[in-house]
Amino acid sequence: MRAILILISFLITSCTYYPGKYKFDKIQEAFYTAEKNERQMGQVYIPKGSGPFPGVVIVHGGGWDSRTFSDMDSVAESLAANGFVVYNINYRLAPNHRHPDPIIDLKNALTYFKIHSKEYKLDPARIGLWGYSSGGHIVTSHALIYALDKEHRVQAVVAGGTPFDFTWYPYSPIISVYMGNFRDKMLDQYFKASPMFMETKGAPPFYIYHAKEDKLVEFAQSTAFEAKLKASNIPVKRHGIGWWGHATAFIFSKKAVKNGIIFLKKTL
């Protein structure tokens, strides 16, 4: 079992790595709240050089109730190697912390990131977000909720395998834990928590990637959200991943990571 876990960890952190020219330093523990809770901290990657560099805050998946920032190490290292300051964060988990607590955590992490911009050689006017699965929901929600807020808005979003519309899932054992009940028991809240129904005015450009064979979060979630952004004249690029499903696309799709980094370079 230990060998299998090591192999899975290696696959997650190596198969999607996209190399770049920058070497970087790494801060192991950067807490974004005064409580110094391990669920409200992350790791900062700082490219070597004079800077200032654009930044990216990364949010892991795990159904809002599990996993840690270590799942996103490969993405974080790829971004840092390509000249981005990266804050790869944890957030508080369901069922003890339900919607919108993870979004509030991301907001606080972004504030911390900007406060320490000089120390981290970060350009606070050029910050993007990157999330996968539930992390994709968190970064998308934040970007739309704070699109017109000068202090908390971001300039770009990369979202992979994202559930953009909760109302598709009346009896989801995952979403119900995050929200607190099944859909028809709290339908209004399901609508409000879904990026598909959030205001898009002032929203930043998006890059969306999704596995075409995803059985957990259907590929059509991304095509529908893409259409919403296009109808609002929000710049959006979408990449469909062949072959893989929800988890395997995250582990193996180097092209999706490469395209996301290229998108952020052009946008930020």
C-alpha atoms as a PDB file:
ATOM      1  CA  MET A   1       0.000   0.000   0.000  1.00  0.00           C
ATOM      2  CA  ARG A   2       2.826   2.409   0.876  1.00  0.00           C
ATOM      3  CA  ALA A   3       4.443   1.754  -2.498  1.00  0.00           C
ATOM      4  CA  ILE A   4       1.158   2.475  -4.286  1.00  0.00           C
ATOM      5  CA  LEU A   5       0.709   5.764  -2.418  1.00  0.00           C
ATOM      6  CA  ILE A   6       4.272   6.787  -3.273  1.00  0.00           C
ATOM      7  CA  LEU A   7       3.643   5.954  -6.934  1.00  0.00           C
ATOM      8  CA  ILE A   8       0.398   7.970  -6.987  1.00  0.00           C
ATOM      9  CA  SER A   9       2.169  10.923  -5.364  1.00  0.00           C
ATOM     10  CA  PHE A  10       4.944  10.709  -7.934  1.00  0.00           C
ATOM     11  CA  LEU A  11       2.469  10.639 -10.807  1.00  0.00           C
ATOM     12  CA  ILE A  12       0.566  13.656  -9.479  1.00  0.00           C
ATOM     13  CA  THR A  13       3.722  15.704  -9.011  1.00  0.00           C
ATOM     14  CA  SER A  14       5.583  14.751 -12.171  1.00  0.00           C
ATOM     15  CA  CYS A  15       3.334  13.861 -15.105  1.00  0.00           C
ATOM     16  CA  THR A  16       1.906  17.363 -15.542  1.00  0.00           C
ATOM     17  CA  TYR A  17       5.134  19.283 -14.929  1.00  0.00           C
ATOM     18  CA  TYR A  18       5.828  21.901 -17.606  1.00  0.00           C
ATOM     19  CA  PRO A  19       9.452  23.134 -17.468  1.00  0.00           C
ATOM     20  CA  GLY A  20      10.618  26.736 -17.620  1.00  0.00           C
ATOM     21  CA  LYS A  21      13.838  28.727 -17.404  1.00  0.00           C
ATOM     22  CA  TYR A  22      13.517  29.988 -13.820  1.00  0.00           C
ATOM     23  CA  LYS A  23      14.921  28.454 -10.674  1.00  0.00           C
ATOM     24  CA  PHE A  24      12.956  29.299  -7.556  1.00  0.00           C
ATOM     25  CA  ASP A  25      12.968  29.396  -3.772  1.00  0.00           C
ATOM     26  CA  LYS A  26      10.206  27.866  -1.665  1.00  0.00           C
ATOM     27  CA  ILE A  27       8.697  29.021   1.624  1.00  0.00           C
ATOM     28  CA  GLN A  28       7.297  25.933   3.340  1.00  0.00           C
ATOM     29  CA  GLU A  29       4.743  27.508   5.689  1.00  0.00           C
ATOM     30  CA  ALA A  30       2.971  30.783   4.921  1.00  0.00           C
ATOM     31  CA  PHE A  31      -0.127  31.250   7.112  1.00  0.00           C
ATOM     32  CA  TYR A  32      -2.769  33.640   5.829  1.00  0.00           C
ATOM     33  CA  THR A  33      -4.636  33.964   9.150  1.00  0.00           C
ATOM     34  CA  ALA A  34      -3.386  34.845  12.632  1.00  0.00           C
ATOM     35  CA  GLU A  35      -4.536  31.497  14.054  1.00  0.00           C
ATOM     36  CA  LYS A  36      -1.810  29.589  12.165  1.00  0.00           C
ATOM     37  CA  ASN A  37      -4.201  26.774  11.323  1.00  0.00           C
ATOM     38  CA  GLU A  38      -2.715  24.204   8.925  1.00  0.00           C
ATOM     39  CA  ARG A  39      -5.894  24.428   6.855  1.00  0.00           C
ATOM     40  CA  GLN A  40      -5.310  28.171   6.400  1.00  0.00           C
ATOM     41  CA  MET A  41      -1.760  28.139   5.140  1.00  0.00           C
ATOM     42  CA  GLY A  42       0.204  27.382   2.021  1.00  0.00           C
ATOM     43  CA  GLN A  43       3.575  27.305   0.342  1.00  0.00           C
ATOM     44  CA  VAL A  44       5.073  30.191  -1.620  1.00  0.00           C
ATOM     45  CA  TYR A  45       7.277  29.689  -4.670  1.00  0.00           C
ATOM     46  CA  ILE A  46       9.444  32.672  -5.632  1.00  0.00           C
ATOM     47  CA  PRO A  47      11.368  32.747  -8.933  1.00  0.00           C
ATOM     48  CA  LYS A  48      15.010  33.790  -8.685  1.00  0.00           C
ATOM     49  CA  GLY A  49      15.476  37.209 -10.255  1.00  0.00           C
ATOM     50  CA  SER A  50      14.768  40.841  -9.582  1.00  0.00           C
ATOM     51  CA  GLY A  51      11.028  40.760 -10.309  1.00  0.00           C
ATOM     52  CA  PRO A  52       8.422  41.870  -9.740  1.00  0.00           C
ATOM     53  CA  PHE A  53       6.712  38.791 -11.173  1.00  0.00           C
ATOM     54  CA  PRO A  54       3.041  38.064 -11.834  1.00  0.00           C
ATOM     55  CA  GLY A  55       1.435  35.813  -9.236  1.00  0.00           C
ATOM     56  CA  VAL A  56      -0.938  32.873  -9.072  1.00  0.00           C
ATOM     57  CA  VAL A  57      -2.891  31.536  -6.092  1.00  0.00           C
ATOM     58  CA  ILE A  58      -3.576  27.794  -6.479  1.00  0.00           C
ATOM     59  CA  VAL A  59      -6.484  25.921  -4.888  1.00  0.00           C
ATOM     60  CA  HIS A  60      -6.583  22.106  -4.696  1.00  0.00           C
ATOM     61  CA  GLY A  61      -9.520  19.794  -5.327  1.00  0.00           C
ATOM     62  CA  GLY A  62     -10.917  17.000  -3.178  1.00  0.00           C
ATOM     63  CA  GLY A  63     -14.665  17.530  -3.043  1.00  0.00           C
ATOM     64  CA  TRP A  64     -14.369  20.398  -0.527  1.00  0.00           C
ATOM     65  CA  ASP A  65     -13.819  17.835   2.253  1.00  0.00           C
ATOM     66  CA  SER A  66     -10.350  16.334   1.690  1.00  0.00           C
ATOM     67  CA  ARG A  67      -6.843  16.595   0.176  1.00  0.00           C
ATOM     68  CA  THR A  68      -4.166  19.268   0.576  1.00  0.00           C
ATOM     69  CA  PHE A  69      -2.100  21.728  -1.445  1.00  0.00           C
ATOM     70  CA  SER A  70       0.483  19.014  -2.076  1.00  0.00           C
ATOM     71  CA  ASP A  71      -1.780  17.713  -4.864  1.00  0.00           C
ATOM     72  CA  MET A  72      -0.983  20.893  -6.788  1.00  0.00           C
ATOM     73  CA  ASP A  73       2.809  20.776  -6.347  1.00  0.00           C
ATOM     74  CA  SER A  74       3.442  20.004  -9.999  1.00  0.00           C
ATOM     75  CA  VAL A  75       1.308  22.923 -11.167  1.00  0.00           C
ATOM     76  CA  ALA A  76       2.979  25.205  -8.611  1.00  0.00           C
ATOM     77  CA  GLU A  77       6.481  24.162  -9.679  1.00  0.00           C
ATOM     78  CA  SER A  78       5.590  24.557 -13.363  1.00  0.00           C
ATOM     79  CA  LEU A  79       4.305  28.077 -12.781  1.00  0.00           C
ATOM     80  CA  ALA A  80       7.323  29.090 -10.686  1.00  0.00           C
ATOM     81  CA  ALA A  81       9.692  27.697 -13.320  1.00  0.00           C
ATOM     82  CA  ASN A  82       7.911  29.887 -15.843  1.00  0.00           C
ATOM     83  CA  GLY A  83       8.296  33.119 -13.885  1.00  0.00           C
ATOM     84  CA  PHE A  84       5.263  33.287 -11.585  1.00  0.00           C
ATOM     85  CA  VAL A  85       5.207  33.814  -7.840  1.00  0.00           C
ATOM     86  CA  VAL A  86       2.920  31.050  -6.583  1.00  0.00           C
ATOM     87  CA  TYR A  87       0.868  30.700  -3.402  1.00  0.00           C
ATOM     88  CA  ASN A  88      -0.357  27.087  -3.205  1.00  0.00           C
ATOM     89  CA  ILE A  89      -2.925  26.984  -0.395  1.00  0.00           C
ATOM     90  CA  ASN A  90      -5.044  24.800   1.852  1.00  0.00           C
ATOM     91  CA  TYR A  91      -8.551  25.829   2.894  1.00  0.00           C
ATOM     92  CA  ARG A  92     -11.008  24.771   5.597  1.00  0.00           C
ATOM     93  CA  LEU A  93     -12.917  21.589   4.786  1.00  0.00           C
ATOM     94  CA  ALA A  94     -16.512  20.366   4.934  1.00  0.00           C
ATOM     95  CA  PRO A  95     -18.524  19.275   6.806  1.00  0.00           C
ATOM     96  CA  ASN A  96     -17.221  21.525   9.584  1.00  0.00           C
ATOM     97  CA  HIS A  97     -16.779  24.373   7.112  1.00  0.00           C
ATOM     98  CA  ARG A  98     -19.379  24.742   4.422  1.00  0.00           C
ATOM     99  CA  HIS A  99     -20.061  27.224   1.632  1.00  0.00           C
ATOM    100  CA  PRO A 100     -18.791  29.931   1.423  1.00  0.00           C
ATOM    101  CA  ASP A 101     -15.933  29.313   3.916  1.00  0.00           C
ATOM    102  CA  PRO A 102     -13.397  28.070   1.313  1.00  0.00           C
ATOM    103  CA  ILE A 103     -14.069  31.163  -0.807  1.00  0.00           C
ATOM    104  CA  ILE A 104     -13.510  33.363   2.240  1.00  0.00           C
ATOM    105  CA  ASP A 105     -10.241  31.517   2.839  1.00  0.00           C
ATOM    106  CA  LEU A 106      -9.145  32.233  -0.719  1.00  0.00           C
ATOM    107  CA  LYS A 107     -10.022  35.893  -0.235  1.00  0.00           C
ATOM    108  CA  ASN A 108      -7.873  36.021   2.908  1.00  0.00           C
ATOM    109  CA  ALA A 109      -5.028  34.204   1.180  1.00  0.00           C
ATOM    110  CA  LEU A 110      -5.115  36.694  -1.670  1.00  0.00           C
ATOM    111  CA  THR A 111      -4.982  39.578   0.814  1.00  0.00           C
ATOM    112  CA  TYR A 112      -1.976  38.003   2.548  1.00  0.00           C
ATOM    113  CA  PHE A 113      -0.274  37.464  -0.818  1.00  0.00           C
ATOM    114  CA  LYS A 114      -0.633  41.134  -1.724  1.00  0.00           C
ATOM    115  CA  ILE A 115       0.460  42.381   1.701  1.00  0.00           C
ATOM    116  CA  HIS A 116       3.699  40.439   1.276  1.00  0.00           C
ATOM    117  CA  SER A 117       4.181  41.448  -2.360  1.00  0.00           C
ATOM    118  CA  LYS A 118       7.545  43.167  -1.828  1.00  0.00           C
ATOM    119  CA  GLU A 119       8.924  40.258   0.189  1.00  0.00           C
ATOM    120  CA  TYR A 120       7.758  37.779  -2.459  1.00  0.00           C
ATOM    121  CA  LYS A 121       8.774  39.908  -5.476  1.00  0.00           C
ATOM    122  CA  LEU A 122       5.131  39.921  -6.554  1.00  0.00           C
ATOM    123  CA  ASP A 123       3.385  42.426  -8.782  1.00  0.00           C
ATOM    124  CA  PRO A 124       0.049  42.796  -6.907  1.00  0.00           C
ATOM    125  CA  ALA A 125      -1.633  44.199 -10.026  1.00  0.00           C
ATOM    126  CA  ARG A 126      -1.050  40.944 -11.937  1.00  0.00           C
ATOM    127  CA  ILE A 127      -2.528  38.012 -10.053  1.00  0.00           C
ATOM    128  CA  GLY A 128      -4.397  34.999 -11.375  1.00  0.00           C
ATOM    129  CA  LEU A 129      -6.140  32.020  -9.793  1.00  0.00           C
ATOM    130  CA  TRP A 130      -5.840  28.316 -10.637  1.00  0.00           C
ATOM    131  CA  GLY A 131      -8.019  25.513  -9.291  1.00  0.00           C
ATOM    132  CA  TYR A 132      -9.086  21.994 -10.167  1.00  0.00           C
ATOM    133  CA  SER A 133     -12.423  20.286  -9.411  1.00  0.00           C
ATOM    134  CA  SER A 134     -13.768  21.784  -6.159  1.00  0.00           C
ATOM    135  CA  GLY A 135     -10.762  24.109  -6.332  1.00  0.00           C
ATOM    136  CA  GLY A 136     -12.003  25.220  -9.735  1.00  0.00           C
ATOM    137  CA  HIS A 137     -15.358  26.061  -8.180  1.00  0.00           C
ATOM    138  CA  ILE A 138     -13.667  28.058  -5.414  1.00  0.00           C
ATOM    139  CA  VAL A 139     -11.475  30.140  -7.732  1.00  0.00           C
ATOM    140  CA  THR A 140     -14.286  30.750 -10.209  1.00  0.00           C
ATOM    141  CA  SER A 141     -16.683  31.803  -7.457  1.00  0.00           C
ATOM    142  CA  HIS A 142     -14.134  34.202  -6.002  1.00  0.00           C
ATOM    143  CA  ALA A 143     -13.355  35.728  -9.387  1.00  0.00           C
ATOM    144  CA  LEU A 144     -17.031  36.414 -10.114  1.00  0.00           C
ATOM    145  CA  ILE A 145     -18.072  37.516  -6.618  1.00  0.00           C
ATOM    146  CA  TYR A 146     -15.225  40.044  -6.394  1.00  0.00           C
ATOM    147  CA  ALA A 147     -15.036  41.012 -10.065  1.00  0.00           C
ATOM    148  CA  LEU A 148     -15.866  44.657  -9.309  1.00  0.00           C
ATOM    149  CA  ASP A 149     -13.973  44.853  -6.012  1.00  0.00           C
ATOM    150  CA  LYS A 150     -10.669  46.674  -6.607  1.00  0.00           C
ATOM    151  CA  GLU A 151      -9.054  45.184  -3.516  1.00  0.00           C
ATOM    152  CA  HIS A 152      -9.922  41.539  -4.152  1.00  0.00           C
ATOM    153  CA  ARG A 153     -10.430  41.160  -7.903  1.00  0.00           C
ATOM    154  CA  VAL A 154      -8.024  39.067  -9.961  1.00  0.00           C
ATOM    155  CA  GLN A 155      -6.840  39.399 -13.533  1.00  0.00           C
ATOM    156  CA  ALA A 156      -7.176  35.809 -14.829  1.00  0.00           C
ATOM    157  CA  VAL A 157      -8.579  32.386 -13.901  1.00  0.00           C
ATOM    158  CA  VAL A 158      -7.594  28.833 -14.836  1.00  0.00           C
ATOM    159  CA  ALA A 159     -10.272  26.301 -13.853  1.00  0.00           C
ATOM    160  CA  GLY A 160     -10.107  22.559 -14.537  1.00  0.00           C
ATOM    161  CA  GLY A 161     -12.764  19.853 -14.105  1.00  0.00           C
ATOM    162  CA  THR A 162     -15.065  22.377 -12.471  1.00  0.00           C
ATOM    163  CA  PRO A 163     -18.678  21.937 -11.306  1.00  0.00           C
ATOM    164  CA  PHE A 164     -20.051  25.286 -12.410  1.00  0.00           C
ATOM    165  CA  ASP A 165     -23.739  24.435 -11.865  1.00  0.00           C
ATOM    166  CA  PHE A 166     -24.741  22.660  -8.646  1.00  0.00           C
ATOM    167  CA  THR A 167     -28.373  22.406  -9.694  1.00  0.00           C
ATOM    168  CA  TRP A 168     -27.549  19.459 -11.969  1.00  0.00           C
ATOM    169  CA  TYR A 169     -27.053  17.268  -8.905  1.00  0.00           C
ATOM    170  CA  PRO A 170     -30.161  16.755  -6.739  1.00  0.00           C
ATOM    171  CA  TYR A 171     -28.643  13.970  -4.636  1.00  0.00           C
ATOM    172  CA  SER A 172     -24.898  14.490  -4.804  1.00  0.00           C
ATOM    173  CA  PRO A 173     -23.182  12.967  -1.737  1.00  0.00           C
ATOM    174  CA  ILE A 174     -20.310  15.402  -2.331  1.00  0.00           C
ATOM    175  CA  ILE A 175     -22.080  18.708  -2.929  1.00  0.00           C
ATOM    176  CA  SER A 176     -24.647  18.019  -0.193  1.00  0.00           C
ATOM    177  CA  VAL A 177     -21.845  17.745   2.382  1.00  0.00           C
ATOM    178  CA  TYR A 178     -20.386  21.049   1.215  1.00  0.00           C
ATOM    179  CA  MET A 179     -23.739  22.818   1.087  1.00  0.00           C
ATOM    180  CA  GLY A 180     -25.371  21.153   4.107  1.00  0.00           C
ATOM    181  CA  ASN A 181     -28.245  19.306   2.415  1.00  0.00           C
ATOM    182  CA  PHE A 182     -29.533  17.910  -0.866  1.00  0.00           C
ATOM    183  CA  ARG A 183     -30.539  20.270  -3.653  1.00  0.00           C
ATOM    184  CA  ASP A 184     -34.321  20.434  -3.253  1.00  0.00           C
ATOM    185  CA  LYS A 185     -33.984  21.106   0.479  1.00  0.00           C
ATOM    186  CA  MET A 186     -32.037  24.306  -0.239  1.00  0.00           C
ATOM    187  CA  LEU A 187     -32.561  25.052  -3.909  1.00  0.00           C
ATOM    188  CA  ASP A 188     -32.040  28.809  -3.615  1.00  0.00           C
ATOM    189  CA  GLN A 189     -28.642  28.277  -1.991  1.00  0.00           C
ATOM    190  CA  TYR A 190     -27.630  25.824  -4.731  1.00  0.00           C
ATOM    191  CA  PHE A 191     -28.375  28.506  -7.323  1.00  0.00           C
ATOM    192  CA  LYS A 192     -26.452  31.162  -5.393  1.00  0.00           C
ATOM    193  CA  ALA A 193     -23.432  28.882  -4.919  1.00  0.00           C
ATOM    194  CA  SER A 194     -23.226  28.028  -8.629  1.00  0.00           C
ATOM    195  CA  PRO A 195     -20.931  30.180 -10.811  1.00  0.00           C
ATOM    196  CA  MET A 196     -23.335  29.510 -13.681  1.00  0.00           C
ATOM    197  CA  PHE A 197     -25.809  31.889 -12.036  1.00  0.00           C
ATOM    198  CA  MET A 198     -23.391  34.500 -10.716  1.00  0.00           C
ATOM    199  CA  GLU A 199     -23.009  37.978 -12.193  1.00  0.00           C
ATOM    200  CA  THR A 200     -20.226  38.183 -14.802  1.00  0.00           C
ATOM    201  CA  LYS A 201     -19.835  41.955 -15.084  1.00  0.00           C
ATOM    202  CA  GLY A 202     -16.153  42.814 -14.781  1.00  0.00           C
ATOM    203  CA  ALA A 203     -15.093  39.161 -14.740  1.00  0.00           C
ATOM    204  CA  PRO A 204     -11.498  38.383 -15.784  1.00  0.00           C
ATOM    205  CA  PRO A 205     -10.487  36.191 -18.741  1.00  0.00           C
ATOM    206  CA  PHE A 206     -10.836  32.432 -18.200  1.00  0.00           C
ATOM    207  CA  TYR A 207      -9.021  29.333 -19.379  1.00  0.00           C
ATOM    208  CA  ILE A 208     -11.140  26.208 -18.799  1.00  0.00           C
ATOM    209  CA  TYR A 209      -9.968  22.628 -19.208  1.00  0.00           C
ATOM    210  CA  HIS A 210     -12.019  19.471 -18.734  1.00  0.00           C
ATOM    211  CA  ALA A 211     -11.876  15.768 -19.568  1.00  0.00           C
ATOM    212  CA  LYS A 212     -14.360  14.704 -22.212  1.00  0.00           C
ATOM    213  CA  GLU A 213     -14.848  11.342 -20.463  1.00  0.00           C
ATOM    214  CA  ASP A 214     -15.334  12.854 -16.999  1.00  0.00           C
ATOM    215  CA  LYS A 215     -18.091  10.887 -15.254  1.00  0.00           C
ATOM    216  CA  LEU A 216     -17.934  12.799 -11.960  1.00  0.00           C
ATOM    217  CA  VAL A 217     -18.231  16.342 -13.314  1.00  0.00           C
ATOM    218  CA  GLU A 218     -19.623  16.193 -16.818  1.00  0.00           C
ATOM    219  CA  PHE A 219     -17.723  17.831 -19.689  1.00  0.00           C
ATOM    220  CA  ALA A 220     -20.923  19.732 -20.537  1.00  0.00           C
ATOM    221  CA  GLN A 221     -20.489  21.735 -17.335  1.00  0.00           C
ATOM    222  CA  SER A 222     -17.540  23.471 -18.982  1.00  0.00           C
ATOM    223  CA  THR A 223     -19.142  23.984 -22.379  1.00  0.00           C
ATOM    224  CA  ALA A 224     -22.202  25.525 -20.701  1.00  0.00           C
ATOM    225  CA  PHE A 225     -20.095  27.886 -18.581  1.00  0.00           C
ATOM    226  CA  GLU A 226     -18.009  28.793 -21.622  1.00  0.00           C
ATOM    227  CA  ALA A 227     -21.211  29.812 -23.399  1.00  0.00           C
ATOM    228  CA  LYS A 228     -22.241  31.953 -20.417  1.00  0.00           C
ATOM    229  CA  LEU A 229     -18.921  33.815 -20.499  1.00  0.00           C
ATOM    230  CA  LYS A 230     -19.071  34.294 -24.266  1.00  0.00           C
ATOM    231  CA  ALA A 231     -22.609  35.677 -23.994  1.00  0.00           C
ATOM    232  CA  SER A 232     -21.212  38.226 -21.517  1.00  0.00           C
ATOM    233  CA  ASN A 233     -18.250  39.061 -23.775  1.00  0.00           C
ATOM    234  CA  ILE A 234     -15.774  37.683 -21.242  1.00  0.00           C
ATOM    235  CA  PRO A 235     -12.625  36.307 -22.947  1.00  0.00           C
ATOM    236  CA  VAL A 236     -12.549  32.526 -22.519  1.00  0.00           C
ATOM    237  CA  LYS A 237     -10.514  29.641 -23.900  1.00  0.00           C
ATOM    238  CA  ARG A 238     -11.571  26.016 -23.431  1.00  0.00           C
ATOM    239  CA  HIS A 239      -9.471  22.862 -23.768  1.00  0.00           C
ATOM    240  CA  GLY A 240     -11.112  19.444 -23.986  1.00  0.00           C
ATOM    241  CA  ILE A 241      -8.981  16.544 -22.777  1.00  0.00           C
ATOM    242  CA  GLY A 242      -9.390  13.254 -24.624  1.00  0.00           C
ATOM    243  CA  TRP A 243      -9.131   9.755 -23.136  1.00  0.00           C
ATOM    244  CA  TRP A 244      -9.033  10.601 -19.444  1.00  0.00           C
ATOM    245  CA  GLY A 245     -11.656  10.959 -16.728  1.00  0.00           C
ATOM    246  CA  HIS A 246     -11.860  13.380 -13.812  1.00  0.00           C
ATOM    247  CA  ALA A 247      -8.891  12.226 -11.722  1.00  0.00           C
ATOM    248  CA  THR A 248      -6.730  10.889 -14.550  1.00  0.00           C
ATOM    249  CA  ALA A 249      -7.002  14.140 -16.499  1.00  0.00           C
ATOM    250  CA  PHE A 250      -5.671  15.969 -13.460  1.00  0.00           C
ATOM    251  CA  ILE A 251      -2.747  13.552 -13.116  1.00  0.00           C
ATOM    252  CA  PHE A 252      -1.738  13.123 -16.748  1.00  0.00           C
ATOM    253  CA  SER A 253      -2.751  16.140 -18.840  1.00  0.00           C
ATOM    254  CA  LYS A 254       0.507  18.042 -19.268  1.00  0.00           C
ATOM    255  CA  LYS A 255      -0.952  19.818 -22.304  1.00  0.00           C
ATOM    256  CA  ALA A 256      -3.709  21.361 -20.190  1.00  0.00           C
ATOM    257  CA  VAL A 257      -1.131  22.693 -17.720  1.00  0.00           C
ATOM    258  CA  LYS A 258       1.075  23.981 -20.543  1.00  0.00           C
ATOM    259  CA  ASN A 259      -1.873  25.769 -22.152  1.00  0.00           C
ATOM    260  CA  GLY A 260      -2.893  27.252 -18.811  1.00  0.00           C
ATOM    261  CA  ILE A 261       0.572  28.657 -18.257  1.00  0.00           C
ATOM    262  CA  ILE A 262       0.704  30.092 -21.776  1.00  0.00           C
ATOM    263  CA  PHE A 263      -2.715  31.675 -21.171  1.00  0.00           C
ATOM    264  CA  LEU A 264      -1.520  33.263 -17.922  1.00  0.00           C
ATOM    265  CA  LYS A 265       1.662  34.565 -19.543  1.00  0.00           C
ATOM    266  CA  LYS A 266      -0.392  36.312 -22.222  1.00  0.00           C
ATOM    267  CA  THR A 267      -3.061  37.555 -19.838  1.00  0.00           C
ATOM    268  CA  LEU A 268      -0.923  38.670 -16.894  1.00  0.00           C
END
